[in-house]
Amino acid sequence: MKLIVQIPCRNEEEYLPITLRDIPRKIEGVDCVEILVIDDGSADRTSDVAREAGVEHIIRFTNHKGLAAAFSAGLDACLKLGADIIVNTDADNQYQGADIPKLIAPILAGKADIIVGDREVGNIPHFSKTKIFLQKLGSFVVRRLSGTNIPDVTSGFRAFNREAALRLNVVSRFTYTLETIISAGRKSIAIDSVKIRTNQKLRESRLFRSNFYYIKESIITLSKIFSMYRPLQIFTYIGTSIFTFGFLLGLRYLYFFFLQSTAGHIQSLILSAICLIVGFQICLIGLVSELISINREKLEDILYRIKKIEMKNVRGPKK
């Protein structure tokens, strides 16, 4: 049983050594623990520091590609390196490495494919009330969209078994945290959570630049993901609403046409016709998008099978 801890990072020369020292190298039920650092185009000595600290594997981007890209590259590399379990953690030592055995325990027991660490954000002292509210609101929305029961969807401390890692595909550029949970829920991958501890805050979050930025990017990400996984539902809601509004305007015009003078109400007729046409077209777009979504699911299944073959060749035949 091989465990690889992957750490996406950028300009973490100061704090990466602290995170690395906190990761246990011997875990019961695991034969081998290795570390992979994904350097997302750092301008400092992040890669050198990782190498000096004895990190076994380092991926370095020549330019900044974003957290989601770093996470995906790490996941792919871990699979090629033969990982049976992959743990993702942050480079700023936010999470306690000592909780890794607790995080992977349900996977070792065969009870889950993905485990997300629950920070219990309401109890984190350096989180503002606004940030706690936004975190809880986001978790509620993602739970509704994914059909899962993960209390802390933005936690980056999570574990994946090999099968789950093979099935996940991240298209978001902002963050992987929301999309992987929604994807897991839609693909019926067994996902659960365990309570974890956090360390003292070392620096400000680079992902959570401001409340406005976080809300904007999260809404964009959720809208994109929701449109990918439930296009017919979202376009039907929008199209039906516009069509209904146009229909009611049409009824209003007919009321004046038969019972009163239509003078001054021709604008309602024009707007009604526009809304009826646009609403119907949006519903058709939803139908086409649903067909595209089904095709995407088939392509993801093909990609999964290709990955299985590729990883089998990498690891070699079983003896």
C-alpha atoms as a PDB file:
ATOM      1  CA  MET A   1       0.000   0.000   0.000  1.00  0.00           C
ATOM      2  CA  LYS A   2       1.603   3.216  -1.199  1.00  0.00           C
ATOM      3  CA  LEU A   3       0.548   6.648   0.031  1.00  0.00           C
ATOM      4  CA  ILE A   4       1.633   9.875  -1.662  1.00  0.00           C
ATOM      5  CA  VAL A   5       0.994  13.250  -0.032  1.00  0.00           C
ATOM      6  CA  GLN A   6       0.715  15.922  -2.706  1.00  0.00           C
ATOM      7  CA  ILE A   7       1.251  19.592  -1.889  1.00  0.00           C
ATOM      8  CA  PRO A   8       0.318  22.242  -4.494  1.00  0.00           C
ATOM      9  CA  CYS A   9       2.248  25.394  -3.673  1.00  0.00           C
ATOM     10  CA  ARG A  10       3.444  28.739  -4.972  1.00  0.00           C
ATOM     11  CA  ASN A  11       6.044  30.944  -3.325  1.00  0.00           C
ATOM     12  CA  GLU A  12       6.045  28.847  -0.149  1.00  0.00           C
ATOM     13  CA  GLU A  13       9.800  28.926   0.548  1.00  0.00           C
ATOM     14  CA  GLU A  14       9.163  30.139   4.099  1.00  0.00           C
ATOM     15  CA  TYR A  15       6.369  27.813   5.204  1.00  0.00           C
ATOM     16  CA  LEU A  16       6.825  24.636   3.118  1.00  0.00           C
ATOM     17  CA  PRO A  17       9.541  23.198   5.430  1.00  0.00           C
ATOM     18  CA  ILE A  18       7.144  23.471   8.387  1.00  0.00           C
ATOM     19  CA  THR A  19       4.470  21.576   6.453  1.00  0.00           C
ATOM     20  CA  LEU A  20       6.937  18.890   5.350  1.00  0.00           C
ATOM     21  CA  ARG A  21       8.184  18.289   8.904  1.00  0.00           C
ATOM     22  CA  ASP A  22       4.594  17.774  10.044  1.00  0.00           C
ATOM     23  CA  ILE A  23       3.888  14.893   7.619  1.00  0.00           C
ATOM     24  CA  PRO A  24       4.288  11.426   9.201  1.00  0.00           C
ATOM     25  CA  ARG A  25       6.543   9.053   7.278  1.00  0.00           C
ATOM     26  CA  LYS A  26       5.252   5.895   8.952  1.00  0.00           C
ATOM     27  CA  ILE A  27       1.540   5.111   9.064  1.00  0.00           C
ATOM     28  CA  GLU A  28      -0.053   1.872  10.176  1.00  0.00           C
ATOM     29  CA  GLY A  29      -1.565  -0.004   7.234  1.00  0.00           C
ATOM     30  CA  VAL A  30       0.656   1.823   4.726  1.00  0.00           C
ATOM     31  CA  ASP A  31       3.906   0.343   3.438  1.00  0.00           C
ATOM     32  CA  CYS A  32       5.360   3.471   1.882  1.00  0.00           C
ATOM     33  CA  VAL A  33       4.780   7.217   2.383  1.00  0.00           C
ATOM     34  CA  GLU A  34       6.157   9.627  -0.225  1.00  0.00           C
ATOM     35  CA  ILE A  35       5.686  13.346  -0.869  1.00  0.00           C
ATOM     36  CA  LEU A  36       5.008  15.162  -4.128  1.00  0.00           C
ATOM     37  CA  VAL A  37       5.371  18.949  -4.356  1.00  0.00           C
ATOM     38  CA  ILE A  38       3.718  20.769  -7.272  1.00  0.00           C
ATOM     39  CA  ASP A  39       5.463  24.118  -7.679  1.00  0.00           C
ATOM     40  CA  ASP A  40       2.993  26.397  -9.450  1.00  0.00           C
ATOM     41  CA  GLY A  41       5.524  28.743 -11.070  1.00  0.00           C
ATOM     42  CA  SER A  42       7.085  30.043  -7.852  1.00  0.00           C
ATOM     43  CA  ALA A  43       9.410  33.052  -8.018  1.00  0.00           C
ATOM     44  CA  ASP A  44      11.300  31.974  -4.891  1.00  0.00           C
ATOM     45  CA  ARG A  45      13.217  28.834  -3.848  1.00  0.00           C
ATOM     46  CA  THR A  46      10.167  26.661  -3.229  1.00  0.00           C
ATOM     47  CA  SER A  47      11.415  23.776  -5.395  1.00  0.00           C
ATOM     48  CA  ASP A  48      14.940  23.977  -3.953  1.00  0.00           C
ATOM     49  CA  VAL A  49      13.616  23.980  -0.412  1.00  0.00           C
ATOM     50  CA  ALA A  50      11.485  20.915  -1.184  1.00  0.00           C
ATOM     51  CA  ARG A  51      14.477  19.105  -2.671  1.00  0.00           C
ATOM     52  CA  GLU A  52      16.678  19.998   0.300  1.00  0.00           C
ATOM     53  CA  ALA A  53      13.998  18.694   2.673  1.00  0.00           C
ATOM     54  CA  GLY A  54      14.091  15.263   1.021  1.00  0.00           C
ATOM     55  CA  VAL A  55      10.882  15.435  -1.027  1.00  0.00           C
ATOM     56  CA  GLU A  56      10.859  12.429  -3.371  1.00  0.00           C
ATOM     57  CA  HIS A  57       8.940  13.980  -6.275  1.00  0.00           C
ATOM     58  CA  ILE A  58       8.754  17.578  -7.558  1.00  0.00           C
ATOM     59  CA  ILE A  59       6.739  18.998 -10.442  1.00  0.00           C
ATOM     60  CA  ARG A  60       7.565  22.559 -11.426  1.00  0.00           C
ATOM     61  CA  PHE A  61       5.448  24.732 -13.737  1.00  0.00           C
ATOM     62  CA  THR A  62       7.345  27.364 -15.699  1.00  0.00           C
ATOM     63  CA  ASN A  63       4.516  29.837 -15.072  1.00  0.00           C
ATOM     64  CA  HIS A  64       1.594  30.227 -12.692  1.00  0.00           C
ATOM     65  CA  LYS A  65      -1.324  28.036 -13.805  1.00  0.00           C
ATOM     66  CA  GLY A  66      -3.576  28.116 -10.758  1.00  0.00           C
ATOM     67  CA  LEU A  67      -4.527  25.860  -7.862  1.00  0.00           C
ATOM     68  CA  ALA A  68      -6.884  23.644  -9.871  1.00  0.00           C
ATOM     69  CA  ALA A  69      -4.233  22.947 -12.526  1.00  0.00           C
ATOM     70  CA  ALA A  70      -1.629  22.157  -9.854  1.00  0.00           C
ATOM     71  CA  PHE A  71      -4.026  19.791  -8.103  1.00  0.00           C
ATOM     72  CA  SER A  72      -4.859  17.970 -11.341  1.00  0.00           C
ATOM     73  CA  ALA A  73      -1.205  17.636 -12.326  1.00  0.00           C
ATOM     74  CA  GLY A  74      -0.424  16.246  -8.900  1.00  0.00           C
ATOM     75  CA  LEU A  75      -3.249  13.730  -9.060  1.00  0.00           C
ATOM     76  CA  ASP A  76      -2.082  12.487 -12.449  1.00  0.00           C
ATOM     77  CA  ALA A  77       1.533  12.253 -11.303  1.00  0.00           C
ATOM     78  CA  CYS A  78       0.599  10.353  -8.129  1.00  0.00           C
ATOM     79  CA  LEU A  79      -1.302   7.793 -10.187  1.00  0.00           C
ATOM     80  CA  LYS A  80       1.672   7.324 -12.507  1.00  0.00           C
ATOM     81  CA  LEU A  81       3.932   6.915  -9.481  1.00  0.00           C
ATOM     82  CA  GLY A  82       1.777   4.002  -8.345  1.00  0.00           C
ATOM     83  CA  ALA A  83      -0.083   5.617  -5.436  1.00  0.00           C
ATOM     84  CA  ASP A  84      -2.875   3.548  -3.893  1.00  0.00           C
ATOM     85  CA  ILE A  85      -3.971   6.483  -1.721  1.00  0.00           C
ATOM     86  CA  ILE A  86      -3.423  10.179  -2.419  1.00  0.00           C
ATOM     87  CA  VAL A  87      -3.632  12.831   0.289  1.00  0.00           C
ATOM     88  CA  ASN A  88      -3.842  16.487  -0.700  1.00  0.00           C
ATOM     89  CA  THR A  89      -2.800  19.165   1.765  1.00  0.00           C
ATOM     90  CA  ASP A  90      -1.880  22.865   1.694  1.00  0.00           C
ATOM     91  CA  ALA A  91       1.669  24.207   1.829  1.00  0.00           C
ATOM     92  CA  ASP A  92       0.940  26.824   4.506  1.00  0.00           C
ATOM     93  CA  ASN A  93       0.647  24.156   7.239  1.00  0.00           C
ATOM     94  CA  GLN A  94      -3.026  24.945   7.788  1.00  0.00           C
ATOM     95  CA  TYR A  95      -3.791  21.266   8.461  1.00  0.00           C
ATOM     96  CA  GLN A  96      -2.103  19.000  10.987  1.00  0.00           C
ATOM     97  CA  GLY A  97      -0.115  16.260   9.289  1.00  0.00           C
ATOM     98  CA  ALA A  98      -0.683  14.075  12.326  1.00  0.00           C
ATOM     99  CA  ASP A  99      -4.316  13.740  11.194  1.00  0.00           C
ATOM    100  CA  ILE A 100      -3.364  11.965   7.946  1.00  0.00           C
ATOM    101  CA  PRO A 101      -3.812   8.471   9.520  1.00  0.00           C
ATOM    102  CA  LYS A 102      -7.267   9.542  10.700  1.00  0.00           C
ATOM    103  CA  LEU A 103      -8.060  10.962   7.251  1.00  0.00           C
ATOM    104  CA  ILE A 104      -7.193   7.773   5.364  1.00  0.00           C
ATOM    105  CA  ALA A 105      -8.623   5.305   7.917  1.00  0.00           C
ATOM    106  CA  PRO A 106     -12.076   5.022   6.203  1.00  0.00           C
ATOM    107  CA  ILE A 107     -10.338   4.389   2.858  1.00  0.00           C
ATOM    108  CA  LEU A 108      -8.137   1.682   4.350  1.00  0.00           C
ATOM    109  CA  ALA A 109     -11.245   0.131   5.875  1.00  0.00           C
ATOM    110  CA  GLY A 110     -13.011   0.175   2.494  1.00  0.00           C
ATOM    111  CA  LYS A 111     -15.795   2.444   3.755  1.00  0.00           C
ATOM    112  CA  ALA A 112     -15.185   5.389   1.383  1.00  0.00           C
ATOM    113  CA  ASP A 113     -13.354   6.382  -1.791  1.00  0.00           C
ATOM    114  CA  ILE A 114     -12.874  10.058  -0.905  1.00  0.00           C
ATOM    115  CA  ILE A 115     -12.513  11.616   2.531  1.00  0.00           C
ATOM    116  CA  VAL A 116     -12.696  15.375   3.115  1.00  0.00           C
ATOM    117  CA  GLY A 117     -11.313  16.843   6.315  1.00  0.00           C
ATOM    118  CA  ASP A 118     -13.888  18.832   8.289  1.00  0.00           C
ATOM    119  CA  ARG A 119     -12.224  21.833   9.930  1.00  0.00           C
ATOM    120  CA  GLU A 120     -15.418  22.754  11.813  1.00  0.00           C
ATOM    121  CA  VAL A 121     -15.003  26.297  10.470  1.00  0.00           C
ATOM    122  CA  GLY A 122     -17.231  27.790  13.144  1.00  0.00           C
ATOM    123  CA  ASN A 123     -14.565  26.961  15.740  1.00  0.00           C
ATOM    124  CA  ILE A 124     -11.549  28.381  13.896  1.00  0.00           C
ATOM    125  CA  PRO A 125     -10.509  31.492  15.850  1.00  0.00           C
ATOM    126  CA  HIS A 126      -8.895  33.438  12.986  1.00  0.00           C
ATOM    127  CA  PHE A 127     -11.928  33.077  10.687  1.00  0.00           C
ATOM    128  CA  SER A 128     -14.111  36.183  10.623  1.00  0.00           C
ATOM    129  CA  LYS A 129     -17.876  35.884  11.014  1.00  0.00           C
ATOM    130  CA  THR A 130     -18.283  36.843   7.357  1.00  0.00           C
ATOM    131  CA  LYS A 131     -15.869  34.148   6.218  1.00  0.00           C
ATOM    132  CA  ILE A 132     -17.564  31.523   8.405  1.00  0.00           C
ATOM    133  CA  PHE A 133     -20.955  32.492   6.972  1.00  0.00           C
ATOM    134  CA  LEU A 134     -19.679  32.306   3.380  1.00  0.00           C
ATOM    135  CA  GLN A 135     -18.004  28.944   4.012  1.00  0.00           C
ATOM    136  CA  LYS A 136     -21.168  27.480   5.523  1.00  0.00           C
ATOM    137  CA  LEU A 137     -23.365  28.933   2.779  1.00  0.00           C
ATOM    138  CA  GLY A 138     -21.083  27.539   0.083  1.00  0.00           C
ATOM    139  CA  SER A 139     -21.060  24.129   1.754  1.00  0.00           C
ATOM    140  CA  PHE A 140     -24.864  24.140   1.894  1.00  0.00           C
ATOM    141  CA  VAL A 141     -25.157  24.976  -1.808  1.00  0.00           C
ATOM    142  CA  VAL A 142     -22.621  22.318  -2.836  1.00  0.00           C
ATOM    143  CA  ARG A 143     -24.367  19.691  -0.682  1.00  0.00           C
ATOM    144  CA  ARG A 144     -27.627  20.440  -2.470  1.00  0.00           C
ATOM    145  CA  LEU A 145     -26.012  20.303  -5.910  1.00  0.00           C
ATOM    146  CA  SER A 146     -23.949  17.174  -5.265  1.00  0.00           C
ATOM    147  CA  GLY A 147     -26.356  15.150  -3.136  1.00  0.00           C
ATOM    148  CA  THR A 148     -23.571  14.621  -0.584  1.00  0.00           C
ATOM    149  CA  ASN A 149     -23.308  15.437   3.103  1.00  0.00           C
ATOM    150  CA  ILE A 150     -19.884  17.106   3.310  1.00  0.00           C
ATOM    151  CA  PRO A 151     -19.902  19.856   5.982  1.00  0.00           C
ATOM    152  CA  ASP A 152     -16.700  21.630   4.849  1.00  0.00           C
ATOM    153  CA  VAL A 153     -16.554  21.591   1.037  1.00  0.00           C
ATOM    154  CA  THR A 154     -13.675  24.085   0.734  1.00  0.00           C
ATOM    155  CA  SER A 155     -11.281  22.050   2.858  1.00  0.00           C
ATOM    156  CA  GLY A 156      -8.139  21.182   0.903  1.00  0.00           C
ATOM    157  CA  PHE A 157      -7.204  18.379   3.291  1.00  0.00           C
ATOM    158  CA  ARG A 158      -8.640  15.325   1.604  1.00  0.00           C
ATOM    159  CA  ALA A 159      -7.763  11.765   0.635  1.00  0.00           C
ATOM    160  CA  PHE A 160      -8.564   9.742  -2.500  1.00  0.00           C
ATOM    161  CA  ASN A 161      -8.165   6.086  -3.261  1.00  0.00           C
ATOM    162  CA  ARG A 162      -6.781   5.119  -6.657  1.00  0.00           C
ATOM    163  CA  GLU A 163     -10.160   4.380  -8.219  1.00  0.00           C
ATOM    164  CA  ALA A 164     -11.650   7.750  -7.220  1.00  0.00           C
ATOM    165  CA  ALA A 165      -8.574   9.634  -8.460  1.00  0.00           C
ATOM    166  CA  LEU A 166      -8.879   7.910 -11.839  1.00  0.00           C
ATOM    167  CA  ARG A 167     -12.493   9.031 -12.207  1.00  0.00           C
ATOM    168  CA  LEU A 168     -12.079  12.696 -11.270  1.00  0.00           C
ATOM    169  CA  ASN A 169     -11.647  15.383 -13.927  1.00  0.00           C
ATOM    170  CA  VAL A 170     -11.228  19.055 -12.993  1.00  0.00           C
ATOM    171  CA  VAL A 171     -12.077  21.772 -15.518  1.00  0.00           C
ATOM    172  CA  SER A 172     -12.343  24.749 -13.158  1.00  0.00           C
ATOM    173  CA  ARG A 173      -9.418  27.194 -13.050  1.00  0.00           C
ATOM    174  CA  PHE A 174     -10.285  28.745  -9.688  1.00  0.00           C
ATOM    175  CA  THR A 175     -10.236  25.762  -7.334  1.00  0.00           C
ATOM    176  CA  TYR A 176     -10.726  22.001  -7.336  1.00  0.00           C
ATOM    177  CA  THR A 177     -12.526  21.766  -3.983  1.00  0.00           C
ATOM    178  CA  LEU A 178     -16.092  22.398  -5.115  1.00  0.00           C
ATOM    179  CA  GLU A 179     -15.936  20.579  -8.439  1.00  0.00           C
ATOM    180  CA  THR A 180     -14.445  17.346  -7.109  1.00  0.00           C
ATOM    181  CA  ILE A 181     -17.235  16.986  -4.546  1.00  0.00           C
ATOM    182  CA  ILE A 182     -20.002  17.689  -7.058  1.00  0.00           C
ATOM    183  CA  SER A 183     -18.344  15.343  -9.560  1.00  0.00           C
ATOM    184  CA  ALA A 184     -18.040  12.605  -6.920  1.00  0.00           C
ATOM    185  CA  GLY A 185     -21.697  12.995  -5.978  1.00  0.00           C
ATOM    186  CA  ARG A 186     -22.865  12.846  -9.597  1.00  0.00           C
ATOM    187  CA  LYS A 187     -20.710   9.775 -10.290  1.00  0.00           C
ATOM    188  CA  SER A 188     -21.900   7.988  -7.124  1.00  0.00           C
ATOM    189  CA  ILE A 189     -18.369   7.833  -5.720  1.00  0.00           C
ATOM    190  CA  ALA A 190     -18.455   7.057  -1.993  1.00  0.00           C
ATOM    191  CA  ILE A 191     -17.455  10.287  -0.247  1.00  0.00           C
ATOM    192  CA  ASP A 192     -17.400  11.058   3.457  1.00  0.00           C
ATOM    193  CA  SER A 193     -15.734  13.394   5.948  1.00  0.00           C
ATOM    194  CA  VAL A 194     -13.817  13.203   9.225  1.00  0.00           C
ATOM    195  CA  LYS A 195     -13.153  15.925  11.757  1.00  0.00           C
ATOM    196  CA  ILE A 196      -9.611  17.285  11.630  1.00  0.00           C
ATOM    197  CA  ARG A 197      -7.515  19.848  13.473  1.00  0.00           C
ATOM    198  CA  THR A 198      -5.948  23.016  12.098  1.00  0.00           C
ATOM    199  CA  ASN A 199      -2.724  24.764  13.017  1.00  0.00           C
ATOM    200  CA  GLN A 200      -2.128  28.383  13.912  1.00  0.00           C
ATOM    201  CA  LYS A 201      -2.486  30.760  10.976  1.00  0.00           C
ATOM    202  CA  LEU A 202       0.877  31.541   9.326  1.00  0.00           C
ATOM    203  CA  ARG A 203      -0.217  33.817   6.479  1.00  0.00           C
ATOM    204  CA  GLU A 204      -3.287  35.261   4.765  1.00  0.00           C
ATOM    205  CA  SER A 205      -5.162  33.078   2.297  1.00  0.00           C
ATOM    206  CA  ARG A 206      -4.164  33.698  -1.308  1.00  0.00           C
ATOM    207  CA  LEU A 207      -7.336  32.140  -2.652  1.00  0.00           C
ATOM    208  CA  PHE A 208      -9.673  34.128  -0.390  1.00  0.00           C
ATOM    209  CA  ARG A 209      -8.383  37.591  -1.456  1.00  0.00           C
ATOM    210  CA  SER A 210     -11.582  39.358  -0.430  1.00  0.00           C
ATOM    211  CA  ASN A 211     -15.197  38.499   0.286  1.00  0.00           C
ATOM    212  CA  PHE A 212     -16.299  39.961  -3.050  1.00  0.00           C
ATOM    213  CA  TYR A 213     -13.655  38.065  -5.023  1.00  0.00           C
ATOM    214  CA  TYR A 214     -14.469  34.789  -3.262  1.00  0.00           C
ATOM    215  CA  ILE A 215     -18.223  35.173  -3.845  1.00  0.00           C
ATOM    216  CA  LYS A 216     -17.736  36.135  -7.493  1.00  0.00           C
ATOM    217  CA  GLU A 217     -15.385  33.258  -8.305  1.00  0.00           C
ATOM    218  CA  SER A 218     -17.463  30.733  -6.348  1.00  0.00           C
ATOM    219  CA  ILE A 219     -20.663  31.753  -8.162  1.00  0.00           C
ATOM    220  CA  ILE A 220     -18.895  31.482 -11.536  1.00  0.00           C
ATOM    221  CA  THR A 221     -17.471  28.075 -10.612  1.00  0.00           C
ATOM    222  CA  LEU A 222     -20.779  26.725  -9.279  1.00  0.00           C
ATOM    223  CA  SER A 223     -22.685  28.035 -12.315  1.00  0.00           C
ATOM    224  CA  LYS A 224     -20.205  26.404 -14.661  1.00  0.00           C
ATOM    225  CA  ILE A 225     -20.309  23.095 -12.790  1.00  0.00           C
ATOM    226  CA  PHE A 226     -24.110  23.138 -12.478  1.00  0.00           C
ATOM    227  CA  SER A 227     -24.425  23.859 -16.211  1.00  0.00           C
ATOM    228  CA  MET A 228     -22.094  20.937 -16.935  1.00  0.00           C
ATOM    229  CA  TYR A 229     -23.851  18.373 -14.773  1.00  0.00           C
ATOM    230  CA  ARG A 230     -27.497  19.550 -14.885  1.00  0.00           C
ATOM    231  CA  PRO A 231     -27.846  21.637 -18.056  1.00  0.00           C
ATOM    232  CA  LEU A 232     -31.425  20.642 -18.871  1.00  0.00           C
ATOM    233  CA  GLN A 233     -32.587  21.566 -15.386  1.00  0.00           C
ATOM    234  CA  ILE A 234     -30.937  24.993 -15.259  1.00  0.00           C
ATOM    235  CA  PHE A 235     -31.864  26.012 -18.825  1.00  0.00           C
ATOM    236  CA  THR A 236     -35.411  24.727 -18.390  1.00  0.00           C
ATOM    237  CA  TYR A 237     -35.829  26.837 -15.236  1.00  0.00           C
ATOM    238  CA  ILE A 238     -34.570  29.947 -17.004  1.00  0.00           C
ATOM    239  CA  GLY A 239     -36.436  29.294 -20.251  1.00  0.00           C
ATOM    240  CA  THR A 240     -39.704  28.417 -18.522  1.00  0.00           C
ATOM    241  CA  SER A 241     -39.542  31.552 -16.372  1.00  0.00           C
ATOM    242  CA  ILE A 242     -39.060  33.807 -19.400  1.00  0.00           C
ATOM    243  CA  PHE A 243     -41.708  31.922 -21.410  1.00  0.00           C
ATOM    244  CA  THR A 244     -44.210  32.182 -18.538  1.00  0.00           C
ATOM    245  CA  PHE A 245     -43.568  35.907 -18.202  1.00  0.00           C
ATOM    246  CA  GLY A 246     -44.185  36.343 -21.932  1.00  0.00           C
ATOM    247  CA  PHE A 247     -47.327  34.203 -21.752  1.00  0.00           C
ATOM    248  CA  LEU A 248     -48.759  36.311 -18.920  1.00  0.00           C
ATOM    249  CA  LEU A 249     -48.009  39.481 -20.877  1.00  0.00           C
ATOM    250  CA  GLY A 250     -49.853  37.947 -23.814  1.00  0.00           C
ATOM    251  CA  LEU A 251     -52.879  37.205 -21.633  1.00  0.00           C
ATOM    252  CA  ARG A 252     -52.790  40.789 -20.393  1.00  0.00           C
ATOM    253  CA  TYR A 253     -52.849  42.051 -23.991  1.00  0.00           C
ATOM    254  CA  LEU A 254     -55.764  39.729 -24.854  1.00  0.00           C
ATOM    255  CA  TYR A 255     -57.666  41.026 -21.841  1.00  0.00           C
ATOM    256  CA  PHE A 256     -57.411  44.588 -23.115  1.00  0.00           C
ATOM    257  CA  PHE A 257     -58.046  43.407 -26.696  1.00  0.00           C
ATOM    258  CA  PHE A 258     -61.407  41.811 -25.892  1.00  0.00           C
ATOM    259  CA  LEU A 259     -62.623  43.895 -22.982  1.00  0.00           C
ATOM    260  CA  GLN A 260     -60.995  47.298 -23.390  1.00  0.00           C
ATOM    261  CA  SER A 261     -59.032  49.331 -25.873  1.00  0.00           C
ATOM    262  CA  THR A 262     -55.602  47.980 -26.885  1.00  0.00           C
ATOM    263  CA  ALA A 263     -54.286  51.494 -27.466  1.00  0.00           C
ATOM    264  CA  GLY A 264     -51.015  51.967 -25.658  1.00  0.00           C
ATOM    265  CA  HIS A 265     -50.558  48.248 -25.003  1.00  0.00           C
ATOM    266  CA  ILE A 266     -48.868  47.204 -28.247  1.00  0.00           C
ATOM    267  CA  GLN A 267     -45.520  47.222 -26.398  1.00  0.00           C
ATOM    268  CA  SER A 268     -46.815  44.397 -24.191  1.00  0.00           C
ATOM    269  CA  LEU A 269     -47.595  42.334 -27.275  1.00  0.00           C
ATOM    270  CA  ILE A 270     -44.107  42.875 -28.706  1.00  0.00           C
ATOM    271  CA  LEU A 271     -42.404  42.065 -25.385  1.00  0.00           C
ATOM    272  CA  SER A 272     -44.642  39.009 -24.970  1.00  0.00           C
ATOM    273  CA  ALA A 273     -43.643  37.676 -28.391  1.00  0.00           C
ATOM    274  CA  ILE A 274     -39.960  38.258 -27.648  1.00  0.00           C
ATOM    275  CA  CYS A 275     -40.179  36.484 -24.274  1.00  0.00           C
ATOM    276  CA  LEU A 276     -42.066  33.522 -25.743  1.00  0.00           C
ATOM    277  CA  ILE A 277     -39.493  33.074 -28.505  1.00  0.00           C
ATOM    278  CA  VAL A 278     -36.467  33.552 -26.218  1.00  0.00           C
ATOM    279  CA  GLY A 279     -37.901  31.260 -23.522  1.00  0.00           C
ATOM    280  CA  PHE A 280     -38.580  28.512 -26.062  1.00  0.00           C
ATOM    281  CA  GLN A 281     -35.079  28.875 -27.531  1.00  0.00           C
ATOM    282  CA  ILE A 282     -33.466  28.644 -24.091  1.00  0.00           C
ATOM    283  CA  CYS A 283     -35.370  25.410 -23.417  1.00  0.00           C
ATOM    284  CA  LEU A 284     -34.075  24.049 -26.737  1.00  0.00           C
ATOM    285  CA  ILE A 285     -30.544  25.082 -25.730  1.00  0.00           C
ATOM    286  CA  GLY A 286     -31.072  23.116 -22.511  1.00  0.00           C
ATOM    287  CA  LEU A 287     -32.063  20.038 -24.493  1.00  0.00           C
ATOM    288  CA  VAL A 288     -28.986  20.305 -26.714  1.00  0.00           C
ATOM    289  CA  SER A 289     -26.787  20.924 -23.649  1.00  0.00           C
ATOM    290  CA  GLU A 290     -28.206  17.801 -21.999  1.00  0.00           C
ATOM    291  CA  LEU A 291     -27.220  15.752 -25.033  1.00  0.00           C
ATOM    292  CA  ILE A 292     -23.731  17.294 -24.887  1.00  0.00           C
ATOM    293  CA  SER A 293     -23.575  16.474 -21.168  1.00  0.00           C
ATOM    294  CA  ILE A 294     -24.444  12.842 -21.853  1.00  0.00           C
ATOM    295  CA  ASN A 295     -21.743  12.756 -24.509  1.00  0.00           C
ATOM    296  CA  ARG A 296     -19.263  14.276 -22.036  1.00  0.00           C
ATOM    297  CA  GLU A 297     -20.077  11.545 -19.516  1.00  0.00           C
ATOM    298  CA  LYS A 298     -19.375   8.913 -22.168  1.00  0.00           C
ATOM    299  CA  LEU A 299     -16.081  10.614 -23.016  1.00  0.00           C
ATOM    300  CA  GLU A 300     -15.142  10.701 -19.317  1.00  0.00           C
ATOM    301  CA  ASP A 301     -15.871   6.975 -19.113  1.00  0.00           C
ATOM    302  CA  ILE A 302     -13.608   6.383 -22.127  1.00  0.00           C
ATOM    303  CA  LEU A 303     -10.914   8.563 -20.515  1.00  0.00           C
ATOM    304  CA  TYR A 304     -11.241   6.540 -17.306  1.00  0.00           C
ATOM    305  CA  ARG A 305     -10.716   3.291 -19.224  1.00  0.00           C
ATOM    306  CA  ILE A 306      -7.706   4.753 -21.040  1.00  0.00           C
ATOM    307  CA  LYS A 307      -6.225   5.877 -17.720  1.00  0.00           C
ATOM    308  CA  LYS A 308      -6.742   2.386 -16.288  1.00  0.00           C
ATOM    309  CA  ILE A 309      -4.842   0.849 -19.184  1.00  0.00           C
ATOM    310  CA  GLU A 310      -2.116   3.497 -18.995  1.00  0.00           C
ATOM    311  CA  MET A 311      -1.652   3.124 -15.243  1.00  0.00           C
ATOM    312  CA  LYS A 312      -1.609  -0.671 -15.530  1.00  0.00           C
ATOM    313  CA  ASN A 313       1.258  -0.383 -18.007  1.00  0.00           C
ATOM    314  CA  VAL A 314       3.053   2.057 -15.701  1.00  0.00           C
ATOM    315  CA  ARG A 315       2.767  -0.187 -12.653  1.00  0.00           C
ATOM    316  CA  GLY A 316       3.384  -3.362 -14.636  1.00  0.00           C
ATOM    317  CA  PRO A 317       1.452  -6.618 -14.509  1.00  0.00           C
ATOM    318  CA  LYS A 318       0.614  -8.108 -11.144  1.00  0.00           C
ATOM    319  CA  LYS A 319       2.729 -11.088 -10.120  1.00  0.00           C
END
